[in-house]
C-alpha atoms as a PDB file:
ATOM      1  CA  MET A   1      83.245 186.080 -57.271  1.00  0.00           C
ATOM      2  CA  SER A   2      79.597 185.040 -57.037  1.00  0.00           C
ATOM      3  CA  ALA A   3      77.646 185.085 -53.787  1.00  0.00           C
ATOM      4  CA  LYS A   4      77.274 181.294 -53.980  1.00  0.00           C
ATOM      5  CA  LYS A   5      81.042 180.825 -54.147  1.00  0.00           C
ATOM      6  CA  VAL A   6      81.538 183.191 -51.212  1.00  0.00           C
ATOM      7  CA  TRP A   7      79.007 181.190 -49.230  1.00  0.00           C
ATOM      8  CA  LEU A   8      80.577 177.825 -50.115  1.00  0.00           C
ATOM      9  CA  ILE A   9      84.110 179.004 -49.311  1.00  0.00           C
ATOM     10  CA  SER A  10      82.914 180.448 -45.995  1.00  0.00           C
ATOM     11  CA  LEU A  11      81.056 177.252 -45.155  1.00  0.00           C
ATOM     12  CA  GLY A  12      84.107 175.153 -45.988  1.00  0.00           C
ATOM     13  CA  ALA A  13      86.402 177.329 -43.867  1.00  0.00           C
ATOM     14  CA  VAL A  14      84.083 177.253 -40.843  1.00  0.00           C
ATOM     15  CA  LEU A  15      83.553 173.502 -41.229  1.00  0.00           C
ATOM     16  CA  LEU A  16      87.289 172.848 -41.413  1.00  0.00           C
ATOM     17  CA  ALA A  17      87.923 174.928 -38.298  1.00  0.00           C
ATOM     18  CA  SER A  18      85.067 173.166 -36.471  1.00  0.00           C
ATOM     19  CA  VAL A  19      86.003 169.527 -37.093  1.00  0.00           C
ATOM     20  CA  TYR A  20      87.813 168.892 -33.813  1.00  0.00           C
ATOM     21  CA  PRO A  21      85.480 170.878 -31.484  1.00  0.00           C
ATOM     22  CA  ILE A  22      82.466 169.105 -32.998  1.00  0.00           C
ATOM     23  CA  TYR A  23      84.236 165.748 -32.671  1.00  0.00           C
ATOM     24  CA  MET A  24      84.814 166.535 -28.971  1.00  0.00           C
ATOM     25  CA  GLY A  25      81.142 167.401 -28.585  1.00  0.00           C
ATOM     26  CA  ILE A  26      79.999 164.191 -30.277  1.00  0.00           C
ATOM     27  CA  SER A  27      82.259 162.164 -27.948  1.00  0.00           C
ATOM     28  CA  VAL A  28      80.869 163.842 -24.830  1.00  0.00           C
ATOM     29  CA  LEU A  29      77.280 163.602 -26.083  1.00  0.00           C
ATOM     30  CA  GLY A  30      77.746 159.904 -26.900  1.00  0.00           C
ATOM     31  CA  ALA A  31      79.053 159.205 -23.414  1.00  0.00           C
ATOM     32  CA  HIS A  32      76.168 161.194 -21.945  1.00  0.00           C
ATOM     33  CA  LEU A  33      73.585 159.162 -23.878  1.00  0.00           C
ATOM     34  CA  ARG A  34      75.252 155.832 -23.060  1.00  0.00           C
ATOM     35  CA  ASN A  35      76.242 156.362 -19.448  1.00  0.00           C
ATOM     36  CA  GLY A  36      74.409 159.449 -18.239  1.00  0.00           C
ATOM     37  CA  GLY A  37      77.669 161.389 -18.144  1.00  0.00           C
ATOM     38  CA  VAL A  38      81.328 161.350 -19.112  1.00  0.00           C
ATOM     39  CA  GLU A  39      84.369 160.061 -17.240  1.00  0.00           C
ATOM     40  CA  ALA A  40      86.669 162.834 -16.046  1.00  0.00           C
ATOM     41  CA  ALA A  41      89.649 161.194 -17.755  1.00  0.00           C
ATOM     42  CA  ASP A  42      87.792 161.274 -21.082  1.00  0.00           C
ATOM     43  CA  TYR A  43      86.450 164.804 -20.788  1.00  0.00           C
ATOM     44  CA  PRO A  44      88.048 167.290 -23.198  1.00  0.00           C
ATOM     45  CA  LYS A  45      88.048 170.438 -21.057  1.00  0.00           C
ATOM     46  CA  TYR A  46      87.401 172.909 -23.871  1.00  0.00           C
ATOM     47  CA  VAL A  47      84.164 171.293 -25.046  1.00  0.00           C
ATOM     48  CA  ILE A  48      82.618 174.416 -23.602  1.00  0.00           C
ATOM     49  CA  PRO A  49      82.508 176.920 -25.112  1.00  0.00           C
ATOM     50  CA  TYR A  50      84.090 175.773 -28.379  1.00  0.00           C
ATOM     51  CA  THR A  51      81.706 172.957 -29.371  1.00  0.00           C
ATOM     52  CA  PRO A  52      78.558 175.122 -28.953  1.00  0.00           C
ATOM     53  CA  LEU A  53      80.418 178.009 -30.603  1.00  0.00           C
ATOM     54  CA  CYS A  54      81.290 175.970 -33.705  1.00  0.00           C
ATOM     55  CA  ILE A  55      77.786 174.505 -34.004  1.00  0.00           C
ATOM     56  CA  ALA A  56      76.289 178.015 -33.815  1.00  0.00           C
ATOM     57  CA  LEU A  57      78.678 179.308 -36.483  1.00  0.00           C
ATOM     58  CA  LEU A  58      78.048 176.382 -38.821  1.00  0.00           C
ATOM     59  CA  CYS A  59      74.283 176.698 -38.531  1.00  0.00           C
ATOM     60  CA  GLY A  60      74.489 180.457 -39.037  1.00  0.00           C
ATOM     61  CA  VAL A  61      76.579 180.150 -42.197  1.00  0.00           C
ATOM     62  CA  VAL A  62      74.391 177.342 -43.560  1.00  0.00           C
ATOM     63  CA  LEU A  63      71.266 179.446 -43.104  1.00  0.00           C
ATOM     64  CA  LEU A  64      72.773 182.690 -44.441  1.00  0.00           C
ATOM     65  CA  PRO A  65      71.200 182.542 -47.953  1.00  0.00           C
ATOM     66  CA  LEU A  66      67.770 181.738 -46.509  1.00  0.00           C
ATOM     67  CA  VAL A  67      67.971 184.466 -43.849  1.00  0.00           C
ATOM     68  CA  TYR A  68      69.181 186.950 -46.475  1.00  0.00           C
ATOM     69  CA  LYS A  69      66.191 186.097 -48.656  1.00  0.00           C
ATOM     70  CA  LEU A  70      63.715 186.456 -45.808  1.00  0.00           C
ATOM     71  CA  CYS A  71      65.169 189.386 -43.840  1.00  0.00           C
ATOM     72  CA  LYS A  72      66.946 191.511 -46.467  1.00  0.00           C
ATOM     73  CA  LYS A  73      68.544 194.500 -44.686  1.00  0.00           C
ATOM     74  CA  TYR A  74      67.905 192.924 -41.290  1.00  0.00           C
ATOM     75  CA  THR A  75      69.906 189.819 -42.175  1.00  0.00           C
ATOM     76  CA  LEU A  76      72.885 190.519 -39.927  1.00  0.00           C
ATOM     77  CA  PRO A  77      70.874 191.337 -36.764  1.00  0.00           C
ATOM     78  CA  ALA A  78      68.684 188.269 -37.334  1.00  0.00           C
ATOM     79  CA  LEU A  79      71.639 186.008 -38.077  1.00  0.00           C
ATOM     80  CA  SER A  80      73.621 187.335 -35.116  1.00  0.00           C
ATOM     81  CA  ALA A  81      70.709 186.895 -32.716  1.00  0.00           C
ATOM     82  CA  PHE A  82      70.168 183.372 -34.022  1.00  0.00           C
ATOM     83  CA  GLY A  83      73.865 182.490 -33.658  1.00  0.00           C
ATOM     84  CA  VAL A  84      74.221 183.882 -30.141  1.00  0.00           C
ATOM     85  CA  GLY A  85      70.907 182.357 -29.024  1.00  0.00           C
ATOM     86  CA  LEU A  86      71.810 178.946 -30.423  1.00  0.00           C
ATOM     87  CA  PHE A  87      75.215 179.107 -28.762  1.00  0.00           C
ATOM     88  CA  LEU A  88      73.708 179.945 -25.369  1.00  0.00           C
ATOM     89  CA  GLY A  89      71.148 177.147 -25.663  1.00  0.00           C
ATOM     90  CA  ILE A  90      73.673 174.465 -26.648  1.00  0.00           C
ATOM     91  CA  GLU A  91      76.156 175.806 -24.095  1.00  0.00           C
ATOM     92  CA  ARG A  92      73.670 175.396 -21.262  1.00  0.00           C
ATOM     93  CA  PHE A  93      72.863 171.873 -22.431  1.00  0.00           C
ATOM     94  CA  PHE A  94      76.522 170.848 -22.415  1.00  0.00           C
ATOM     95  CA  GLU A  95      77.114 172.534 -19.059  1.00  0.00           C
ATOM     96  CA  ARG A  96      74.516 170.273 -17.472  1.00  0.00           C
ATOM     97  CA  ILE A  97      76.175 167.045 -18.650  1.00  0.00           C
ATOM     98  CA  LEU A  98      77.665 165.201 -15.686  1.00  0.00           C
ATOM     99  CA  VAL A  99      81.345 164.382 -15.208  1.00  0.00           C
ATOM    100  CA  PHE A 100      82.243 161.323 -13.102  1.00  0.00           C
ATOM    101  CA  GLU A 101      85.454 161.325 -11.069  1.00  0.00           C
ATOM    102  CA  THR A 102      85.886 157.617 -10.316  1.00  0.00           C
ATOM    103  CA  VAL A 103      88.798 158.018  -7.890  1.00  0.00           C
ATOM    104  CA  THR A 104      86.908 160.236  -5.461  1.00  0.00           C
ATOM    105  CA  ASN A 105      83.381 159.204  -6.519  1.00  0.00           C
ATOM    106  CA  ILE A 106      82.524 162.866  -7.084  1.00  0.00           C
ATOM    107  CA  ILE A 107      79.939 163.825  -9.671  1.00  0.00           C
ATOM    108  CA  GLU A 108      79.928 167.337 -11.097  1.00  0.00           C
ATOM    109  CA  SER A 109      78.356 169.117 -14.051  1.00  0.00           C
ATOM    110  CA  VAL A 110      80.548 170.007 -17.013  1.00  0.00           C
ATOM    111  CA  GLU A 111      80.398 173.698 -16.092  1.00  0.00           C
ATOM    112  CA  SER A 112      81.849 172.896 -12.680  1.00  0.00           C
ATOM    113  CA  TRP A 113      84.464 170.637 -14.211  1.00  0.00           C
ATOM    114  CA  GLN A 114      85.398 173.419 -16.626  1.00  0.00           C
ATOM    115  CA  MET A 115      86.141 175.700 -13.703  1.00  0.00           C
ATOM    116  CA  TYR A 116      88.133 173.035 -11.927  1.00  0.00           C
ATOM    117  CA  SER A 117      90.179 172.463 -15.081  1.00  0.00           C
ATOM    118  CA  CYS A 118      91.066 176.152 -15.059  1.00  0.00           C
ATOM    119  CA  MET A 119      92.493 175.781 -11.558  1.00  0.00           C
ATOM    120  CA  ALA A 120      95.566 174.076 -13.015  1.00  0.00           C
ATOM    121  CA  ILE A 121      96.867 177.486 -14.120  1.00  0.00           C
ATOM    122  CA  ILE A 122      95.808 179.476 -11.058  1.00  0.00           C
ATOM    123  CA  PRO A 123      98.570 180.233  -8.520  1.00  0.00           C
ATOM    124  CA  PRO A 124      98.245 178.462  -5.138  1.00  0.00           C
ATOM    125  CA  GLU A 125      98.061 181.768  -3.265  1.00  0.00           C
ATOM    126  CA  ILE A 126      94.873 182.586  -5.177  1.00  0.00           C
ATOM    127  CA  ILE A 127      93.376 179.170  -4.543  1.00  0.00           C
ATOM    128  CA  GLU A 128      93.998 179.743  -0.836  1.00  0.00           C
ATOM    129  CA  LYS A 129      91.830 182.875  -0.992  1.00  0.00           C
ATOM    130  CA  ILE A 130      88.847 180.891  -2.287  1.00  0.00           C
ATOM    131  CA  GLU A 131      86.527 179.255   0.217  1.00  0.00           C
ATOM    132  CA  TYR A 132      87.076 175.504   0.565  1.00  0.00           C
ATOM    133  CA  GLU A 133      86.856 172.680   3.109  1.00  0.00           C
ATOM    134  CA  GLU A 134      90.384 171.246   3.181  1.00  0.00           C
ATOM    135  CA  VAL A 135      93.400 173.206   1.896  1.00  0.00           C
ATOM    136  CA  THR A 136      95.653 170.200   1.380  1.00  0.00           C
ATOM    137  CA  GLU A 137      92.925 168.252  -0.379  1.00  0.00           C
ATOM    138  CA  ILE A 138      92.106 171.205  -2.632  1.00  0.00           C
ATOM    139  CA  LEU A 139      95.641 171.501  -3.932  1.00  0.00           C
ATOM    140  CA  THR A 140      95.644 167.842  -4.997  1.00  0.00           C
ATOM    141  CA  ASN A 141      91.979 167.493  -5.901  1.00  0.00           C
ATOM    142  CA  PRO A 142      90.428 170.715  -7.219  1.00  0.00           C
ATOM    143  CA  LEU A 143      87.022 169.021  -7.452  1.00  0.00           C
ATOM    144  CA  ASN A 144      86.475 170.106  -3.853  1.00  0.00           C
ATOM    145  CA  LEU A 145      86.527 173.792  -4.706  1.00  0.00           C
ATOM    146  CA  GLN A 146      83.266 175.630  -4.355  1.00  0.00           C
ATOM    147  CA  TYR A 147      81.985 176.312  -7.839  1.00  0.00           C
ATOM    148  CA  SER A 148      81.224 179.858  -8.954  1.00  0.00           C
ATOM    149  CA  PRO A 149      79.538 180.339 -12.347  1.00  0.00           C
ATOM    150  CA  ALA A 150      80.956 183.875 -12.592  1.00  0.00           C
ATOM    151  CA  PHE A 151      84.198 182.468 -14.016  1.00  0.00           C
ATOM    152  CA  LYS A 152      82.356 181.805 -17.299  1.00  0.00           C
ATOM    153  CA  LEU A 153      82.405 185.496 -18.166  1.00  0.00           C
ATOM    154  CA  HIS A 154      85.674 184.796 -20.000  1.00  0.00           C
ATOM    155  CA  PHE A 155      84.204 182.010 -22.095  1.00  0.00           C
ATOM    156  CA  TYR A 156      80.944 183.763 -22.914  1.00  0.00           C
ATOM    157  CA  LEU A 157      82.672 186.986 -23.953  1.00  0.00           C
ATOM    158  CA  ILE A 158      85.124 185.157 -26.198  1.00  0.00           C
ATOM    159  CA  ALA A 159      82.450 183.004 -27.839  1.00  0.00           C
ATOM    160  CA  ILE A 160      79.973 185.811 -28.476  1.00  0.00           C
ATOM    161  CA  ILE A 161      82.592 188.128 -29.986  1.00  0.00           C
ATOM    162  CA  ILE A 162      83.802 185.339 -32.281  1.00  0.00           C
ATOM    163  CA  ILE A 163      80.240 184.540 -33.376  1.00  0.00           C
ATOM    164  CA  LEU A 164      79.432 188.171 -34.120  1.00  0.00           C
ATOM    165  CA  ALA A 165      82.725 188.809 -35.929  1.00  0.00           C
ATOM    166  CA  VAL A 166      82.729 185.637 -38.051  1.00  0.00           C
ATOM    167  CA  LEU A 167      79.082 185.933 -39.050  1.00  0.00           C
ATOM    168  CA  GLY A 168      79.680 189.618 -39.750  1.00  0.00           C
ATOM    169  CA  VAL A 169      82.579 188.821 -42.085  1.00  0.00           C
ATOM    170  CA  VAL A 170      80.697 186.071 -43.924  1.00  0.00           C
ATOM    171  CA  TYR A 171      77.582 188.214 -44.294  1.00  0.00           C
ATOM    172  CA  GLY A 172      79.610 191.237 -45.375  1.00  0.00           C
ATOM    173  CA  PHE A 173      81.400 189.437 -48.206  1.00  0.00           C
ATOM    174  CA  TYR A 174      78.221 187.588 -49.193  1.00  0.00           C
ATOM    175  CA  LYS A 175      76.276 190.846 -49.432  1.00  0.00           C
ATOM    176  CA  MET A 176      79.124 192.522 -51.312  1.00  0.00           C
ATOM    177  CA  ALA A 177      79.083 189.711 -53.877  1.00  0.00           C
ATOM    178  CA  ARG A 178      75.326 190.049 -54.339  1.00  0.00           C
ATOM    179  CA  THR A 179      75.134 193.828 -54.526  1.00  0.00           C
ATOM    180  CA  LYS A 180      78.552 194.450 -56.175  1.00  0.00           C
ATOM    181  CA  ASP A 181      79.034 197.267 -53.641  1.00  0.00           C
ATOM    182  CA  ALA A 182      82.652 197.116 -52.423  1.00  0.00           C
ATOM    183  CA  ALA A 183      82.463 200.162 -50.125  1.00  0.00           C
ATOM    184  CA  ARG A 184      83.073 198.018 -47.034  1.00  0.00           C
ATOM    185  CA  LYS A 185      85.728 195.758 -48.553  1.00  0.00           C
ATOM    186  CA  LYS A 186      88.650 197.288 -46.643  1.00  0.00           C
ATOM    187  CA  PRO A 187      87.024 197.202 -43.176  1.00  0.00           C
ATOM    188  CA  LEU A 188      85.782 193.678 -43.871  1.00  0.00           C
ATOM    189  CA  ILE A 189      89.312 192.535 -44.677  1.00  0.00           C
ATOM    190  CA  THR A 190      90.530 194.215 -41.480  1.00  0.00           C
ATOM    191  CA  GLN A 191      87.781 192.452 -39.533  1.00  0.00           C
ATOM    192  CA  LEU A 192      88.695 189.120 -41.134  1.00  0.00           C
ATOM    193  CA  ILE A 193      92.356 189.547 -40.157  1.00  0.00           C
ATOM    194  CA  ALA A 194      91.478 190.538 -36.581  1.00  0.00           C
ATOM    195  CA  VAL A 195      89.106 187.642 -35.922  1.00  0.00           C
ATOM    196  CA  THR A 196      91.452 185.134 -37.608  1.00  0.00           C
ATOM    197  CA  VAL A 197      94.355 186.234 -35.407  1.00  0.00           C
ATOM    198  CA  PHE A 198      92.150 186.098 -32.320  1.00  0.00           C
ATOM    199  CA  ILE A 199      90.865 182.602 -33.121  1.00  0.00           C
ATOM    200  CA  GLY A 200      94.464 181.510 -33.652  1.00  0.00           C
ATOM    201  CA  LEU A 201      95.381 182.864 -30.220  1.00  0.00           C
ATOM    202  CA  CYS A 202      92.384 181.042 -28.701  1.00  0.00           C
ATOM    203  CA  VAL A 203      93.511 177.737 -30.211  1.00  0.00           C
ATOM    204  CA  PHE A 204      97.077 178.323 -29.034  1.00  0.00           C
ATOM    205  CA  ALA A 205      95.834 179.149 -25.531  1.00  0.00           C
ATOM    206  CA  CYS A 206      93.845 175.893 -25.403  1.00  0.00           C
ATOM    207  CA  PHE A 207      97.009 173.858 -25.913  1.00  0.00           C
ATOM    208  CA  THR A 208      99.460 175.962 -23.885  1.00  0.00           C
ATOM    209  CA  ALA A 209      97.472 178.221 -21.525  1.00  0.00           C
ATOM    210  CA  PHE A 210     100.224 180.574 -22.690  1.00  0.00           C
ATOM    211  CA  PHE A 211     102.840 178.711 -20.664  1.00  0.00           C
ATOM    212  CA  ARG A 212     101.696 179.878 -17.255  1.00  0.00           C
ATOM    213  CA  THR A 213     103.393 177.972 -14.439  1.00  0.00           C
ATOM    214  CA  GLY A 214     101.260 178.685 -11.388  1.00  0.00           C
ATOM    215  CA  THR A 215     102.755 182.026 -10.356  1.00  0.00           C
ATOM    216  CA  LEU A 216     101.149 185.466 -10.446  1.00  0.00           C
ATOM    217  CA  VAL A 217     104.188 187.036 -12.102  1.00  0.00           C
ATOM    218  CA  VAL A 218     104.386 185.358 -15.497  1.00  0.00           C
ATOM    219  CA  SER A 219     107.389 184.913 -17.786  1.00  0.00           C
ATOM    220  CA  PRO A 220     108.144 187.470 -20.518  1.00  0.00           C
ATOM    221  CA  LEU A 221     106.886 185.061 -23.201  1.00  0.00           C
ATOM    222  CA  SER A 222     103.678 184.401 -21.299  1.00  0.00           C
ATOM    223  CA  ALA A 223     103.230 188.123 -20.662  1.00  0.00           C
ATOM    224  CA  ALA A 224     103.636 188.938 -24.363  1.00  0.00           C
ATOM    225  CA  LEU A 225     101.124 186.283 -25.414  1.00  0.00           C
ATOM    226  CA  MET A 226      98.589 187.235 -22.742  1.00  0.00           C
ATOM    227  CA  ALA A 227      98.902 190.913 -23.630  1.00  0.00           C
ATOM    228  CA  ALA A 228      98.413 190.097 -27.317  1.00  0.00           C
ATOM    229  CA  PHE A 229      95.351 187.993 -26.472  1.00  0.00           C
ATOM    230  CA  PHE A 230      93.708 190.766 -24.448  1.00  0.00           C
ATOM    231  CA  ALA A 231      94.527 193.479 -26.974  1.00  0.00           C
ATOM    232  CA  VAL A 232      93.465 191.505 -30.059  1.00  0.00           C
ATOM    233  CA  PHE A 233      90.238 190.552 -28.306  1.00  0.00           C
ATOM    234  CA  GLY A 234      89.394 194.213 -27.804  1.00  0.00           C
ATOM    235  CA  ILE A 235      90.530 195.132 -31.308  1.00  0.00           C
ATOM    236  CA  THR A 236      88.336 192.394 -32.818  1.00  0.00           C
ATOM    237  CA  ALA A 237      85.264 193.787 -31.060  1.00  0.00           C
ATOM    238  CA  GLY A 238      86.169 197.339 -32.029  1.00  0.00           C
ATOM    239  CA  VAL A 239      86.877 196.543 -35.673  1.00  0.00           C
ATOM    240  CA  TYR A 240      83.597 194.609 -35.881  1.00  0.00           C
ATOM    241  CA  THR A 241      81.779 197.741 -34.713  1.00  0.00           C
ATOM    242  CA  GLY A 242      83.735 199.935 -37.116  1.00  0.00           C
ATOM    243  CA  THR A 243      82.905 197.774 -40.127  1.00  0.00           C
ATOM    244  CA  TRP A 244      79.238 198.675 -39.915  1.00  0.00           C
ATOM    245  CA  LEU A 245      79.931 202.349 -39.186  1.00  0.00           C
ATOM    246  CA  HIS A 246      82.238 202.778 -42.177  1.00  0.00           C
ATOM    247  CA  GLY A 247      81.512 206.014 -44.029  1.00  0.00           C
ATOM    248  CA  LYS A 248      79.821 207.687 -41.049  1.00  0.00           C
ATOM    249  CA  LYS A 249      81.175 210.707 -39.175  1.00  0.00           C
ATOM    250  CA  ARG A 250      84.623 210.169 -37.676  1.00  0.00           C
ATOM    251  CA  ILE A 251      83.295 210.206 -34.119  1.00  0.00           C
ATOM    252  CA  LEU A 252      81.160 207.207 -35.042  1.00  0.00           C
ATOM    253  CA  SER A 253      83.340 205.380 -37.571  1.00  0.00           C
ATOM    254  CA  ARG A 254      86.546 205.661 -35.527  1.00  0.00           C
ATOM    255  CA  GLY A 255      85.766 206.975 -32.038  1.00  0.00           C
ATOM    256  CA  LEU A 256      83.005 204.502 -31.190  1.00  0.00           C
ATOM    257  CA  PRO A 257      84.963 201.398 -32.351  1.00  0.00           C
ATOM    258  CA  ALA A 258      87.952 202.570 -30.274  1.00  0.00           C
ATOM    259  CA  ALA A 259      85.682 202.958 -27.237  1.00  0.00           C
ATOM    260  CA  VAL A 260      84.231 199.481 -27.825  1.00  0.00           C
ATOM    261  CA  ALA A 261      87.764 198.052 -28.008  1.00  0.00           C
ATOM    262  CA  VAL A 262      88.679 199.694 -24.701  1.00  0.00           C
ATOM    263  CA  LEU A 263      85.505 198.527 -22.942  1.00  0.00           C
ATOM    264  CA  THR A 264      85.832 194.986 -24.296  1.00  0.00           C
ATOM    265  CA  THR A 265      89.422 194.735 -23.105  1.00  0.00           C
ATOM    266  CA  VAL A 266      88.348 196.029 -19.691  1.00  0.00           C
ATOM    267  CA  ALA A 267      85.589 193.394 -19.627  1.00  0.00           C
ATOM    268  CA  MET A 268      88.183 190.703 -20.289  1.00  0.00           C
ATOM    269  CA  TYR A 269      90.246 192.011 -17.374  1.00  0.00           C
ATOM    270  CA  ILE A 270      87.131 191.892 -15.197  1.00  0.00           C
ATOM    271  CA  GLY A 271      86.689 188.249 -16.178  1.00  0.00           C
ATOM    272  CA  GLU A 272      90.242 187.562 -15.026  1.00  0.00           C
ATOM    273  CA  LEU A 273      89.600 189.438 -11.768  1.00  0.00           C
ATOM    274  CA  ILE A 274      86.584 187.209 -11.110  1.00  0.00           C
ATOM    275  CA  LEU A 275      88.507 184.041 -11.920  1.00  0.00           C
ATOM    276  CA  LEU A 276      91.455 185.068  -9.727  1.00  0.00           C
ATOM    277  CA  ASP A 277      89.314 186.376  -6.860  1.00  0.00           C
ATOM    278  CA  GLY A 278      90.158 190.053  -7.317  1.00  0.00           C
ATOM    279  CA  THR A 279      93.771 189.647  -8.461  1.00  0.00           C
ATOM    280  CA  LEU A 280      95.417 189.866 -11.879  1.00  0.00           C
ATOM    281  CA  TYR A 281      98.372 188.124 -13.427  1.00  0.00           C
ATOM    282  CA  ARG A 282     101.412 190.397 -13.505  1.00  0.00           C
ATOM    283  CA  PHE A 283     103.513 190.853 -16.618  1.00  0.00           C
ATOM    284  CA  GLY A 284     106.651 191.664 -14.607  1.00  0.00           C
ATOM    285  CA  THR A 285     107.941 193.235 -11.388  1.00  0.00           C
ATOM    286  CA  GLY A 286     108.358 196.831 -10.317  1.00  0.00           C
ATOM    287  CA  PHE A 287     106.118 199.888 -10.314  1.00  0.00           C
ATOM    288  CA  PHE A 288     105.031 199.580 -13.953  1.00  0.00           C
ATOM    289  CA  PHE A 289     103.605 196.093 -13.338  1.00  0.00           C
ATOM    290  CA  SER A 290     102.232 196.599  -9.803  1.00  0.00           C
ATOM    291  CA  PRO A 291      98.660 197.512  -8.756  1.00  0.00           C
ATOM    292  CA  MET A 292      97.993 201.201  -8.256  1.00  0.00           C
ATOM    293  CA  GLY A 293      96.885 201.443  -4.633  1.00  0.00           C
ATOM    294  CA  GLN A 294      93.422 199.967  -4.198  1.00  0.00           C
ATOM    295  CA  ILE A 295      93.024 199.636  -7.967  1.00  0.00           C
ATOM    296  CA  PRO A 296      93.968 196.120  -9.158  1.00  0.00           C
ATOM    297  CA  PHE A 297      95.213 197.464 -12.506  1.00  0.00           C
ATOM    298  CA  ALA A 298      98.890 198.207 -13.033  1.00  0.00           C
ATOM    299  CA  PRO A 299     100.178 200.952 -15.351  1.00  0.00           C
ATOM    300  CA  ALA A 300     101.034 198.168 -17.814  1.00  0.00           C
ATOM    301  CA  ASP A 301      97.395 197.043 -17.812  1.00  0.00           C
ATOM    302  CA  ILE A 302      96.124 200.581 -18.390  1.00  0.00           C
ATOM    303  CA  LEU A 303      98.581 201.003 -21.252  1.00  0.00           C
ATOM    304  CA  LEU A 304      97.452 197.730 -22.823  1.00  0.00           C
ATOM    305  CA  ILE A 305      93.790 198.750 -22.597  1.00  0.00           C
ATOM    306  CA  LEU A 306      94.516 202.115 -24.204  1.00  0.00           C
ATOM    307  CA  LEU A 307      96.700 200.454 -26.845  1.00  0.00           C
ATOM    308  CA  ALA A 308      93.772 198.276 -27.953  1.00  0.00           C
ATOM    309  CA  GLY A 309      91.692 201.423 -28.399  1.00  0.00           C
ATOM    310  CA  ALA A 310      94.477 203.288 -30.205  1.00  0.00           C
ATOM    311  CA  ILE A 311      95.115 200.464 -32.683  1.00  0.00           C
ATOM    312  CA  THR A 312      91.388 200.209 -33.358  1.00  0.00           C
ATOM    313  CA  LEU A 313      91.240 203.963 -33.899  1.00  0.00           C
ATOM    314  CA  VAL A 314      93.986 203.700 -36.547  1.00  0.00           C
ATOM    315  CA  VAL A 315      92.759 200.631 -38.425  1.00  0.00           C
ATOM    316  CA  SER A 316      89.149 201.839 -38.445  1.00  0.00           C
ATOM    317  CA  GLY A 317      90.069 204.872 -40.544  1.00  0.00           C
END
């Protein structure tokens, strides 16, 4: 397959996956330009980070041939820096758009509204740990919660890993088509599978929040889906690292990707700890699912973190 066909297929795939997030962004931007903000009832809560993410990916794929021509062997670092930088810039713009809550006459930025939207899946006992003015009013109107930007660690981590992995896959196959060097074909396919599965889990989470019902101990189905999400997230980051270390010494080509997978999964847990004010969702009851003393992690969490590293170690070989 020619490099042009690889580029066109990649562009079509990214465009198809981006239609709805970009439509959401256009709707919010239109309301912002017309009214200076968007009504809360009309605000699609996953505009951030998915609209900026999709715009960054589309622009990165569109510019791939030009960047390849100008940067040669530095194409991927340049393209990745451009994609992440563009995402962060557009993300900050969308976060500053105002949301109007007509019932309570409260005006908040989109980034605050995004946090408040997340409160729908946070157990009441965690909400009670967060500083607020009126407990009863908080439980019915989360707009009164004090906003903390730290909760965005989840969104930023997810978006940046997706940008790096998708652009890495597109660049890898594009370069392979141009150079006819298929040495990285297998790791690229593995990377493509990992990031596709992770994006699918992200989409599913947007519509279901993995069926959480406002309790810290989640159902078996929710636990399985959340565990898969955390593990695949780490694996995606690890496999991405391993793709570009393919053919190096085993400590680099397999050990380092496994370490990246472990650290990325831990970072995702830290994001959850921030969002839940130092607590984690529990995948069940009993010792195996309970915190270990002062450590918020349960044996099940430690096992999941190590499992992400072990799977990465295997598939990176």
